[in-house]
């Protein structure tokens, strides 16, 4: 099937405007598949800036880029308006050094991160290293492209960057160093138990669950937010929350024009469909996105029993 002229023009414009473009599932800070995440991890260790395009946002683009590149899978990397390859090729080129050569002066390499720890956390890490830091094991911090954090003792790796945390050396690979710059490690010791708390300023917004009682407080305090019902029109007719808006094309256009700092609350029957919709709008750049825990059913049980259950 021939590519629409508009889509072809969009692709050509993107690869000309940006020296490095990655067509992927999700975004740089929120990949939606493992293959895209693996390429992001490689590029994050080499480049301070590059452009990503979420093909999940446009089904036409998703198919068009495959035909444009004559390549059947996603992600796809372009450098200097030339197609480089998919995940496997990028990994092979990175391992051989060819990717670094291709990127040239833009490939600045890993950056030494600034990471801090509270006195309590540093003390606990020192104590842990006395027990775990045997047979060459070192304290490692891994941060995936999806910003999953893992602090553990493991083997040092070639190319590790090392940070001193109050007498304990912390090892990170290049991607984690980029994503962890500015991270602070704290330590919690309370009724809920002991554990490390990692605060990462680079971590992108995530959907937060909101209980029905908190949503009622927001209504009562007349806080500014959009309550979006993603159920079907038939379900809406059976039961709805006063103040909610049924998601349709008109509401979709309205949301597209809102400031990305606008608070959005999504709801459905039990909170499953609405979570998917909420995650979609996080990927669109909204920073204050909530999902009604338990959906309208929980609202009826805990807040307003006049809302019919079904």
C-alpha atoms as a PDB file:
ATOM      1  CA  UNK A   1       0.000   0.000   0.000  1.00  0.00           C
ATOM      2  CA  UNK A   2       1.397   3.385  -1.012  1.00  0.00           C
ATOM      3  CA  UNK A   3       2.274   5.820   1.750  1.00  0.00           C
ATOM      4  CA  UNK A   4       0.013   8.848   1.992  1.00  0.00           C
ATOM      5  CA  UNK A   5       1.792  11.990   0.798  1.00  0.00           C
ATOM      6  CA  UNK A   6       1.174  13.716   4.138  1.00  0.00           C
ATOM      7  CA  UNK A   7       2.704  10.864   6.141  1.00  0.00           C
ATOM      8  CA  UNK A   8       5.707  10.641   3.818  1.00  0.00           C
ATOM      9  CA  UNK A   9       6.270  14.380   4.144  1.00  0.00           C
ATOM     10  CA  UNK A  10       6.070  14.112   7.943  1.00  0.00           C
ATOM     11  CA  UNK A  11       8.679  11.344   8.011  1.00  0.00           C
ATOM     12  CA  UNK A  12      11.018  13.202   5.660  1.00  0.00           C
ATOM     13  CA  UNK A  13      10.657  16.371   7.717  1.00  0.00           C
ATOM     14  CA  UNK A  14      11.429  14.567  10.977  1.00  0.00           C
ATOM     15  CA  UNK A  15      14.595  12.876   9.743  1.00  0.00           C
ATOM     16  CA  UNK A  16      15.838  16.129   8.200  1.00  0.00           C
ATOM     17  CA  UNK A  17      15.069  18.347  11.206  1.00  0.00           C
ATOM     18  CA  UNK A  18      16.796  16.042  13.712  1.00  0.00           C
ATOM     19  CA  UNK A  19      20.185  14.457  13.185  1.00  0.00           C
ATOM     20  CA  UNK A  20      19.282  11.374  15.257  1.00  0.00           C
ATOM     21  CA  UNK A  21      15.694  10.114  15.190  1.00  0.00           C
ATOM     22  CA  UNK A  22      14.375   6.952  16.812  1.00  0.00           C
ATOM     23  CA  UNK A  23      10.947   5.713  15.696  1.00  0.00           C
ATOM     24  CA  UNK A  24       9.851   3.622  18.658  1.00  0.00           C
ATOM     25  CA  UNK A  25       6.980   2.333  20.763  1.00  0.00           C
ATOM     26  CA  UNK A  26       6.531   4.829  23.590  1.00  0.00           C
ATOM     27  CA  UNK A  27       8.872   7.675  24.402  1.00  0.00           C
ATOM     28  CA  UNK A  28      12.489   8.036  25.489  1.00  0.00           C
ATOM     29  CA  UNK A  29      11.461   8.168  29.142  1.00  0.00           C
ATOM     30  CA  UNK A  30       8.602   5.703  28.846  1.00  0.00           C
ATOM     31  CA  UNK A  31       9.320   2.938  26.293  1.00  0.00           C
ATOM     32  CA  UNK A  32       6.405   0.605  25.605  1.00  0.00           C
ATOM     33  CA  UNK A  33       8.383  -2.443  24.475  1.00  0.00           C
ATOM     34  CA  UNK A  34      11.642  -4.151  25.376  1.00  0.00           C
ATOM     35  CA  UNK A  35      13.250  -3.650  21.950  1.00  0.00           C
ATOM     36  CA  UNK A  36      12.622   0.096  22.055  1.00  0.00           C
ATOM     37  CA  UNK A  37      13.889   0.225  25.638  1.00  0.00           C
ATOM     38  CA  UNK A  38      17.122  -1.543  24.654  1.00  0.00           C
ATOM     39  CA  UNK A  39      17.917   1.018  21.925  1.00  0.00           C
ATOM     40  CA  UNK A  40      17.027   3.895  24.253  1.00  0.00           C
ATOM     41  CA  UNK A  41      19.432   2.428  26.801  1.00  0.00           C
ATOM     42  CA  UNK A  42      22.244   2.437  24.231  1.00  0.00           C
ATOM     43  CA  UNK A  43      21.551   5.953  22.951  1.00  0.00           C
ATOM     44  CA  UNK A  44      21.213   7.334  26.476  1.00  0.00           C
ATOM     45  CA  UNK A  45      24.785   6.231  27.142  1.00  0.00           C
ATOM     46  CA  UNK A  46      26.056   8.077  24.063  1.00  0.00           C
ATOM     47  CA  UNK A  47      23.918  11.142  23.415  1.00  0.00           C
ATOM     48  CA  UNK A  48      22.662  13.969  25.626  1.00  0.00           C
ATOM     49  CA  UNK A  49      19.885  14.682  23.122  1.00  0.00           C
ATOM     50  CA  UNK A  50      18.107  12.838  20.346  1.00  0.00           C
ATOM     51  CA  UNK A  51      14.565  12.853  18.976  1.00  0.00           C
ATOM     52  CA  UNK A  52      12.050  10.062  19.471  1.00  0.00           C
ATOM     53  CA  UNK A  53       8.736   9.475  17.696  1.00  0.00           C
ATOM     54  CA  UNK A  54       6.044   7.342  19.332  1.00  0.00           C
ATOM     55  CA  UNK A  55       4.542   5.318  16.493  1.00  0.00           C
ATOM     56  CA  UNK A  56       1.769   4.084  18.805  1.00  0.00           C
ATOM     57  CA  UNK A  57       0.244   7.558  18.633  1.00  0.00           C
ATOM     58  CA  UNK A  58      -0.473   7.238  14.910  1.00  0.00           C
ATOM     59  CA  UNK A  59      -1.439   3.866  13.350  1.00  0.00           C
ATOM     60  CA  UNK A  60      -0.856   5.298   9.859  1.00  0.00           C
ATOM     61  CA  UNK A  61       2.679   6.337  10.776  1.00  0.00           C
ATOM     62  CA  UNK A  62       3.311   2.941  12.354  1.00  0.00           C
ATOM     63  CA  UNK A  63       2.718   1.176   9.047  1.00  0.00           C
ATOM     64  CA  UNK A  64       4.144   3.929   6.859  1.00  0.00           C
ATOM     65  CA  UNK A  65       7.576   3.964   8.521  1.00  0.00           C
ATOM     66  CA  UNK A  66       7.935   0.233   7.850  1.00  0.00           C
ATOM     67  CA  UNK A  67       7.290   0.792   4.156  1.00  0.00           C
ATOM     68  CA  UNK A  68       9.390   3.957   4.060  1.00  0.00           C
ATOM     69  CA  UNK A  69      12.415   2.181   5.571  1.00  0.00           C
ATOM     70  CA  UNK A  70      11.662  -1.167   3.942  1.00  0.00           C
ATOM     71  CA  UNK A  71      12.095  -2.646   7.396  1.00  0.00           C
ATOM     72  CA  UNK A  72       9.322  -4.709   9.089  1.00  0.00           C
ATOM     73  CA  UNK A  73       9.932  -4.031  12.776  1.00  0.00           C
ATOM     74  CA  UNK A  74      10.065  -1.241  15.349  1.00  0.00           C
ATOM     75  CA  UNK A  75      12.207   0.489  16.621  1.00  0.00           C
ATOM     76  CA  UNK A  76      13.999   2.116  13.691  1.00  0.00           C
ATOM     77  CA  UNK A  77      16.997   4.418  14.013  1.00  0.00           C
ATOM     78  CA  UNK A  78      17.885   7.192  11.565  1.00  0.00           C
ATOM     79  CA  UNK A  79      21.118   9.202  11.603  1.00  0.00           C
ATOM     80  CA  UNK A  80      21.716  12.063   9.142  1.00  0.00           C
ATOM     81  CA  UNK A  81      18.437  11.160   7.389  1.00  0.00           C
ATOM     82  CA  UNK A  82      19.788   7.667   6.669  1.00  0.00           C
ATOM     83  CA  UNK A  83      18.219   4.480   7.987  1.00  0.00           C
ATOM     84  CA  UNK A  84      20.600   2.652  10.342  1.00  0.00           C
ATOM     85  CA  UNK A  85      18.562  -0.354  11.448  1.00  0.00           C
ATOM     86  CA  UNK A  86      16.507  -1.932  14.180  1.00  0.00           C
ATOM     87  CA  UNK A  87      17.313  -3.100  17.690  1.00  0.00           C
ATOM     88  CA  UNK A  88      19.626  -5.993  16.755  1.00  0.00           C
ATOM     89  CA  UNK A  89      21.679  -3.921  14.326  1.00  0.00           C
ATOM     90  CA  UNK A  90      21.991  -1.047  16.794  1.00  0.00           C
ATOM     91  CA  UNK A  91      23.195  -3.447  19.488  1.00  0.00           C
ATOM     92  CA  UNK A  92      25.756  -4.999  17.136  1.00  0.00           C
ATOM     93  CA  UNK A  93      27.015  -1.589  15.996  1.00  0.00           C
ATOM     94  CA  UNK A  94      27.320  -0.423  19.588  1.00  0.00           C
ATOM     95  CA  UNK A  95      29.299  -3.512  20.587  1.00  0.00           C
ATOM     96  CA  UNK A  96      31.685  -3.109  17.637  1.00  0.00           C
ATOM     97  CA  UNK A  97      32.113   0.658  18.101  1.00  0.00           C
ATOM     98  CA  UNK A  98      30.619   1.428  14.691  1.00  0.00           C
ATOM     99  CA  UNK A  99      27.669   3.286  16.205  1.00  0.00           C
ATOM    100  CA  UNK A 100      29.979   5.620  18.114  1.00  0.00           C
ATOM    101  CA  UNK A 101      31.896   6.291  14.900  1.00  0.00           C
ATOM    102  CA  UNK A 102      28.679   7.004  13.023  1.00  0.00           C
ATOM    103  CA  UNK A 103      27.526   9.494  15.638  1.00  0.00           C
ATOM    104  CA  UNK A 104      30.939  11.175  15.635  1.00  0.00           C
ATOM    105  CA  UNK A 105      31.318  14.299  17.734  1.00  0.00           C
ATOM    106  CA  UNK A 106      27.737  14.008  18.999  1.00  0.00           C
ATOM    107  CA  UNK A 107      28.647  10.807  20.856  1.00  0.00           C
ATOM    108  CA  UNK A 108      29.895  12.516  23.988  1.00  0.00           C
ATOM    109  CA  UNK A 109      30.060   9.266  25.921  1.00  0.00           C
ATOM    110  CA  UNK A 110      28.963   8.642  29.493  1.00  0.00           C
ATOM    111  CA  UNK A 111      28.681  11.560  31.884  1.00  0.00           C
ATOM    112  CA  UNK A 112      29.799  11.324  35.503  1.00  0.00           C
ATOM    113  CA  UNK A 113      26.551  11.520  37.492  1.00  0.00           C
ATOM    114  CA  UNK A 114      25.929  13.467  40.680  1.00  0.00           C
ATOM    115  CA  UNK A 115      24.380  11.065  43.212  1.00  0.00           C
ATOM    116  CA  UNK A 116      23.996  11.684  46.937  1.00  0.00           C
ATOM    117  CA  UNK A 117      22.988   9.652  49.980  1.00  0.00           C
ATOM    118  CA  UNK A 118      21.744  10.642  53.407  1.00  0.00           C
ATOM    119  CA  UNK A 119      23.952   9.874  56.402  1.00  0.00           C
ATOM    120  CA  UNK A 120      21.602   7.066  57.414  1.00  0.00           C
ATOM    121  CA  UNK A 121      21.610   5.542  53.932  1.00  0.00           C
ATOM    122  CA  UNK A 122      25.415   5.780  53.631  1.00  0.00           C
ATOM    123  CA  UNK A 123      25.822   4.079  57.004  1.00  0.00           C
ATOM    124  CA  UNK A 124      23.471   1.230  56.036  1.00  0.00           C
ATOM    125  CA  UNK A 125      25.262   0.795  52.707  1.00  0.00           C
ATOM    126  CA  UNK A 126      28.637   0.617  54.449  1.00  0.00           C
ATOM    127  CA  UNK A 127      27.316  -2.050  56.798  1.00  0.00           C
ATOM    128  CA  UNK A 128      25.798  -3.994  53.924  1.00  0.00           C
ATOM    129  CA  UNK A 129      29.058  -3.850  51.961  1.00  0.00           C
ATOM    130  CA  UNK A 130      30.898  -5.516  54.832  1.00  0.00           C
ATOM    131  CA  UNK A 131      28.613  -8.510  54.452  1.00  0.00           C
ATOM    132  CA  UNK A 132      27.843  -8.523  50.726  1.00  0.00           C
ATOM    133  CA  UNK A 133      30.975  -6.967  49.284  1.00  0.00           C
ATOM    134  CA  UNK A 134      32.927 -10.202  49.119  1.00  0.00           C
ATOM    135  CA  UNK A 135      34.465 -12.076  46.194  1.00  0.00           C
ATOM    136  CA  UNK A 136      34.689  -8.843  44.208  1.00  0.00           C
ATOM    137  CA  UNK A 137      30.996  -7.904  44.479  1.00  0.00           C
ATOM    138  CA  UNK A 138      30.270  -4.164  44.279  1.00  0.00           C
ATOM    139  CA  UNK A 139      27.230  -2.019  44.970  1.00  0.00           C
ATOM    140  CA  UNK A 140      25.405  -1.459  41.693  1.00  0.00           C
ATOM    141  CA  UNK A 141      22.538   0.784  40.670  1.00  0.00           C
ATOM    142  CA  UNK A 142      20.580  -0.120  37.555  1.00  0.00           C
ATOM    143  CA  UNK A 143      17.958   2.194  36.109  1.00  0.00           C
ATOM    144  CA  UNK A 144      16.060   0.832  33.128  1.00  0.00           C
ATOM    145  CA  UNK A 145      14.719   2.990  30.319  1.00  0.00           C
ATOM    146  CA  UNK A 146      11.341   2.672  32.060  1.00  0.00           C
ATOM    147  CA  UNK A 147      12.967   4.040  35.246  1.00  0.00           C
ATOM    148  CA  UNK A 148      12.760   0.823  37.216  1.00  0.00           C
ATOM    149  CA  UNK A 149      15.457   1.166  39.907  1.00  0.00           C
ATOM    150  CA  UNK A 150      17.469  -1.734  41.306  1.00  0.00           C
ATOM    151  CA  UNK A 151      20.115  -1.300  44.030  1.00  0.00           C
ATOM    152  CA  UNK A 152      22.082  -4.502  44.645  1.00  0.00           C
ATOM    153  CA  UNK A 153      25.514  -6.113  44.982  1.00  0.00           C
ATOM    154  CA  UNK A 154      26.901  -7.611  41.788  1.00  0.00           C
ATOM    155  CA  UNK A 155      29.910  -7.892  39.519  1.00  0.00           C
ATOM    156  CA  UNK A 156      31.677  -4.771  38.221  1.00  0.00           C
ATOM    157  CA  UNK A 157      31.325  -4.283  34.469  1.00  0.00           C
ATOM    158  CA  UNK A 158      33.672  -2.739  31.875  1.00  0.00           C
ATOM    159  CA  UNK A 159      32.827   0.925  31.349  1.00  0.00           C
ATOM    160  CA  UNK A 160      31.179   1.354  34.746  1.00  0.00           C
ATOM    161  CA  UNK A 161      31.035   4.860  36.163  1.00  0.00           C
ATOM    162  CA  UNK A 162      31.813   5.030  39.880  1.00  0.00           C
ATOM    163  CA  UNK A 163      30.395   7.366  42.523  1.00  0.00           C
ATOM    164  CA  UNK A 164      31.591   7.573  46.114  1.00  0.00           C
ATOM    165  CA  UNK A 165      28.737   7.543  48.617  1.00  0.00           C
ATOM    166  CA  UNK A 166      30.188   8.193  52.028  1.00  0.00           C
ATOM    167  CA  UNK A 167      32.841   5.502  51.818  1.00  0.00           C
ATOM    168  CA  UNK A 168      30.906   3.108  49.560  1.00  0.00           C
ATOM    169  CA  UNK A 169      31.552   2.966  45.814  1.00  0.00           C
ATOM    170  CA  UNK A 170      28.474   2.825  43.620  1.00  0.00           C
ATOM    171  CA  UNK A 171      28.791   1.369  40.094  1.00  0.00           C
ATOM    172  CA  UNK A 172      26.523   2.393  37.206  1.00  0.00           C
ATOM    173  CA  UNK A 173      26.503   1.701  33.495  1.00  0.00           C
ATOM    174  CA  UNK A 174      26.324   4.626  31.074  1.00  0.00           C
ATOM    175  CA  UNK A 175      22.560   4.548  30.668  1.00  0.00           C
ATOM    176  CA  UNK A 176      21.935   4.461  34.421  1.00  0.00           C
ATOM    177  CA  UNK A 177      24.439   7.292  34.873  1.00  0.00           C
ATOM    178  CA  UNK A 178      22.434   9.462  32.475  1.00  0.00           C
ATOM    179  CA  UNK A 179      19.074   8.578  34.014  1.00  0.00           C
ATOM    180  CA  UNK A 180      20.343   8.774  37.597  1.00  0.00           C
ATOM    181  CA  UNK A 181      22.054  12.175  37.536  1.00  0.00           C
ATOM    182  CA  UNK A 182      20.786  14.074  40.575  1.00  0.00           C
ATOM    183  CA  UNK A 183      19.387  10.982  42.332  1.00  0.00           C
ATOM    184  CA  UNK A 184      19.289  10.937  46.140  1.00  0.00           C
ATOM    185  CA  UNK A 185      19.320   7.756  48.239  1.00  0.00           C
ATOM    186  CA  UNK A 186      17.561   8.014  51.581  1.00  0.00           C
ATOM    187  CA  UNK A 187      16.787   5.455  54.262  1.00  0.00           C
ATOM    188  CA  UNK A 188      13.420   4.852  55.926  1.00  0.00           C
ATOM    189  CA  UNK A 189      13.085   3.260  59.363  1.00  0.00           C
ATOM    190  CA  UNK A 190       9.536   3.315  60.622  1.00  0.00           C
ATOM    191  CA  UNK A 191       6.452   1.262  61.477  1.00  0.00           C
ATOM    192  CA  UNK A 192       6.332  -0.060  57.925  1.00  0.00           C
ATOM    193  CA  UNK A 193       9.863  -1.437  58.134  1.00  0.00           C
ATOM    194  CA  UNK A 194      13.296  -0.439  56.914  1.00  0.00           C
ATOM    195  CA  UNK A 195      14.422   0.257  53.381  1.00  0.00           C
ATOM    196  CA  UNK A 196      16.141   2.586  50.963  1.00  0.00           C
ATOM    197  CA  UNK A 197      14.180   5.338  49.262  1.00  0.00           C
ATOM    198  CA  UNK A 198      15.441   6.499  45.871  1.00  0.00           C
ATOM    199  CA  UNK A 199      14.322   9.951  44.725  1.00  0.00           C
ATOM    200  CA  UNK A 200      15.097  10.521  41.057  1.00  0.00           C
ATOM    201  CA  UNK A 201      14.329  13.976  39.602  1.00  0.00           C
ATOM    202  CA  UNK A 202      14.574  12.566  36.071  1.00  0.00           C
ATOM    203  CA  UNK A 203      11.814  10.022  36.535  1.00  0.00           C
ATOM    204  CA  UNK A 204       8.875  10.856  34.250  1.00  0.00           C
ATOM    205  CA  UNK A 205       5.323  11.297  35.442  1.00  0.00           C
ATOM    206  CA  UNK A 206       3.384   8.156  36.227  1.00  0.00           C
ATOM    207  CA  UNK A 207      -0.298   7.397  36.708  1.00  0.00           C
ATOM    208  CA  UNK A 208      -1.244   7.621  40.372  1.00  0.00           C
ATOM    209  CA  UNK A 209      -4.123   5.705  41.902  1.00  0.00           C
ATOM    210  CA  UNK A 210      -6.698   7.810  43.723  1.00  0.00           C
ATOM    211  CA  UNK A 211      -9.267   6.301  46.117  1.00  0.00           C
ATOM    212  CA  UNK A 212     -12.918   7.385  45.807  1.00  0.00           C
ATOM    213  CA  UNK A 213     -12.772   9.214  49.157  1.00  0.00           C
ATOM    214  CA  UNK A 214      -9.924  11.418  47.915  1.00  0.00           C
ATOM    215  CA  UNK A 215     -11.829  12.186  44.706  1.00  0.00           C
ATOM    216  CA  UNK A 216     -14.799  13.290  46.830  1.00  0.00           C
ATOM    217  CA  UNK A 217     -12.470  15.602  48.780  1.00  0.00           C
ATOM    218  CA  UNK A 218     -11.344  17.125  45.481  1.00  0.00           C
ATOM    219  CA  UNK A 219     -14.974  17.727  44.504  1.00  0.00           C
ATOM    220  CA  UNK A 220     -15.822  19.185  47.915  1.00  0.00           C
ATOM    221  CA  UNK A 221     -12.791  21.520  47.844  1.00  0.00           C
ATOM    222  CA  UNK A 222     -13.688  22.592  44.293  1.00  0.00           C
ATOM    223  CA  UNK A 223     -10.243  21.668  43.060  1.00  0.00           C
ATOM    224  CA  UNK A 224      -9.634  22.106  39.332  1.00  0.00           C
ATOM    225  CA  UNK A 225      -9.516  18.797  37.473  1.00  0.00           C
ATOM    226  CA  UNK A 226     -11.073  16.908  34.587  1.00  0.00           C
ATOM    227  CA  UNK A 227     -12.940  13.683  35.463  1.00  0.00           C
ATOM    228  CA  UNK A 228     -13.004  11.503  32.358  1.00  0.00           C
ATOM    229  CA  UNK A 229     -15.265   8.457  32.035  1.00  0.00           C
ATOM    230  CA  UNK A 230     -13.930   6.001  29.429  1.00  0.00           C
ATOM    231  CA  UNK A 231     -16.843   3.549  29.587  1.00  0.00           C
ATOM    232  CA  UNK A 232     -19.290   2.962  26.775  1.00  0.00           C
ATOM    233  CA  UNK A 233     -22.309   5.261  26.226  1.00  0.00           C
ATOM    234  CA  UNK A 234     -24.536   2.355  27.299  1.00  0.00           C
ATOM    235  CA  UNK A 235     -22.724   2.074  30.639  1.00  0.00           C
ATOM    236  CA  UNK A 236     -22.871   5.848  31.045  1.00  0.00           C
ATOM    237  CA  UNK A 237     -26.666   5.711  30.728  1.00  0.00           C
ATOM    238  CA  UNK A 238     -26.847   3.046  33.455  1.00  0.00           C
ATOM    239  CA  UNK A 239     -24.725   4.950  35.973  1.00  0.00           C
ATOM    240  CA  UNK A 240     -22.464   7.971  36.081  1.00  0.00           C
ATOM    241  CA  UNK A 241     -20.671  10.235  38.550  1.00  0.00           C
ATOM    242  CA  UNK A 242     -21.923  13.807  38.683  1.00  0.00           C
ATOM    243  CA  UNK A 243     -19.253  16.053  37.174  1.00  0.00           C
ATOM    244  CA  UNK A 244     -17.726  13.341  34.967  1.00  0.00           C
ATOM    245  CA  UNK A 245     -17.354  13.711  31.197  1.00  0.00           C
ATOM    246  CA  UNK A 246     -17.878  10.812  28.819  1.00  0.00           C
ATOM    247  CA  UNK A 247     -14.830  10.338  26.620  1.00  0.00           C
ATOM    248  CA  UNK A 248     -15.670  10.947  22.961  1.00  0.00           C
ATOM    249  CA  UNK A 249     -14.139  12.727  19.973  1.00  0.00           C
ATOM    250  CA  UNK A 250     -15.144  16.140  21.295  1.00  0.00           C
ATOM    251  CA  UNK A 251     -13.535  15.533  24.670  1.00  0.00           C
ATOM    252  CA  UNK A 252     -10.456  14.113  22.981  1.00  0.00           C
ATOM    253  CA  UNK A 253     -10.063  17.387  21.039  1.00  0.00           C
ATOM    254  CA  UNK A 254     -10.560  19.368  24.252  1.00  0.00           C
ATOM    255  CA  UNK A 255      -7.875  17.385  26.089  1.00  0.00           C
ATOM    256  CA  UNK A 256      -5.437  17.860  23.215  1.00  0.00           C
ATOM    257  CA  UNK A 257      -5.598  21.615  23.732  1.00  0.00           C
ATOM    258  CA  UNK A 258      -5.172  21.596  27.517  1.00  0.00           C
ATOM    259  CA  UNK A 259      -2.053  22.651  29.397  1.00  0.00           C
ATOM    260  CA  UNK A 260      -0.014  19.533  30.244  1.00  0.00           C
ATOM    261  CA  UNK A 261      -0.090  20.542  33.924  1.00  0.00           C
ATOM    262  CA  UNK A 262      -3.885  20.064  34.008  1.00  0.00           C
ATOM    263  CA  UNK A 263      -5.028  17.423  36.502  1.00  0.00           C
ATOM    264  CA  UNK A 264      -6.760  14.514  34.784  1.00  0.00           C
ATOM    265  CA  UNK A 265      -8.699  11.798  36.623  1.00  0.00           C
ATOM    266  CA  UNK A 266      -9.787   8.761  34.601  1.00  0.00           C
ATOM    267  CA  UNK A 267     -12.518   6.311  35.619  1.00  0.00           C
ATOM    268  CA  UNK A 268     -14.319   3.285  34.246  1.00  0.00           C
ATOM    269  CA  UNK A 269     -16.297   0.415  35.800  1.00  0.00           C
ATOM    270  CA  UNK A 270     -13.557  -1.160  37.942  1.00  0.00           C
ATOM    271  CA  UNK A 271     -10.432   0.867  37.067  1.00  0.00           C
ATOM    272  CA  UNK A 272      -8.837  -1.329  34.379  1.00  0.00           C
ATOM    273  CA  UNK A 273      -9.776   0.421  31.131  1.00  0.00           C
ATOM    274  CA  UNK A 274      -9.255   3.814  32.737  1.00  0.00           C
ATOM    275  CA  UNK A 275      -5.703   2.898  33.763  1.00  0.00           C
ATOM    276  CA  UNK A 276      -4.839   2.209  30.129  1.00  0.00           C
ATOM    277  CA  UNK A 277      -6.351   5.542  29.081  1.00  0.00           C
ATOM    278  CA  UNK A 278      -4.491   7.358  31.865  1.00  0.00           C
ATOM    279  CA  UNK A 279      -1.163   5.846  30.800  1.00  0.00           C
ATOM    280  CA  UNK A 280      -1.882   6.981  27.247  1.00  0.00           C
ATOM    281  CA  UNK A 281      -2.223  10.590  28.416  1.00  0.00           C
ATOM    282  CA  UNK A 282       0.957  10.379  30.486  1.00  0.00           C
ATOM    283  CA  UNK A 283       2.732   9.474  27.255  1.00  0.00           C
ATOM    284  CA  UNK A 284       1.168  12.582  25.723  1.00  0.00           C
ATOM    285  CA  UNK A 285       2.977  14.691  28.309  1.00  0.00           C
ATOM    286  CA  UNK A 286       0.368  15.236  31.037  1.00  0.00           C
ATOM    287  CA  UNK A 287       2.077  15.326  34.429  1.00  0.00           C
ATOM    288  CA  UNK A 288      -0.815  15.090  36.900  1.00  0.00           C
ATOM    289  CA  UNK A 289      -2.750  12.010  35.898  1.00  0.00           C
ATOM    290  CA  UNK A 290      -4.848   9.846  38.228  1.00  0.00           C
ATOM    291  CA  UNK A 291      -6.876   6.652  37.943  1.00  0.00           C
ATOM    292  CA  UNK A 292      -9.962   6.162  40.123  1.00  0.00           C
ATOM    293  CA  UNK A 293      -9.197   3.100  42.212  1.00  0.00           C
ATOM    294  CA  UNK A 294     -11.972   0.530  41.825  1.00  0.00           C
ATOM    295  CA  UNK A 295     -13.811   2.689  39.304  1.00  0.00           C
ATOM    296  CA  UNK A 296     -17.402   3.805  39.546  1.00  0.00           C
ATOM    297  CA  UNK A 297     -18.259   0.599  41.393  1.00  0.00           C
ATOM    298  CA  UNK A 298     -15.989   1.588  44.294  1.00  0.00           C
ATOM    299  CA  UNK A 299     -17.409   5.117  44.180  1.00  0.00           C
ATOM    300  CA  UNK A 300     -20.919   3.703  44.627  1.00  0.00           C
ATOM    301  CA  UNK A 301     -19.836   1.470  47.528  1.00  0.00           C
ATOM    302  CA  UNK A 302     -17.750   3.985  49.488  1.00  0.00           C
ATOM    303  CA  UNK A 303     -19.031   7.453  48.531  1.00  0.00           C
ATOM    304  CA  UNK A 304     -22.412   7.641  46.813  1.00  0.00           C
ATOM    305  CA  UNK A 305     -24.750   4.638  47.116  1.00  0.00           C
ATOM    306  CA  UNK A 306     -27.324   6.389  44.921  1.00  0.00           C
ATOM    307  CA  UNK A 307     -25.138   5.578  41.916  1.00  0.00           C
ATOM    308  CA  UNK A 308     -26.454   2.229  40.615  1.00  0.00           C
ATOM    309  CA  UNK A 309     -24.117  -0.763  40.634  1.00  0.00           C
ATOM    310  CA  UNK A 310     -24.109  -3.208  37.743  1.00  0.00           C
END
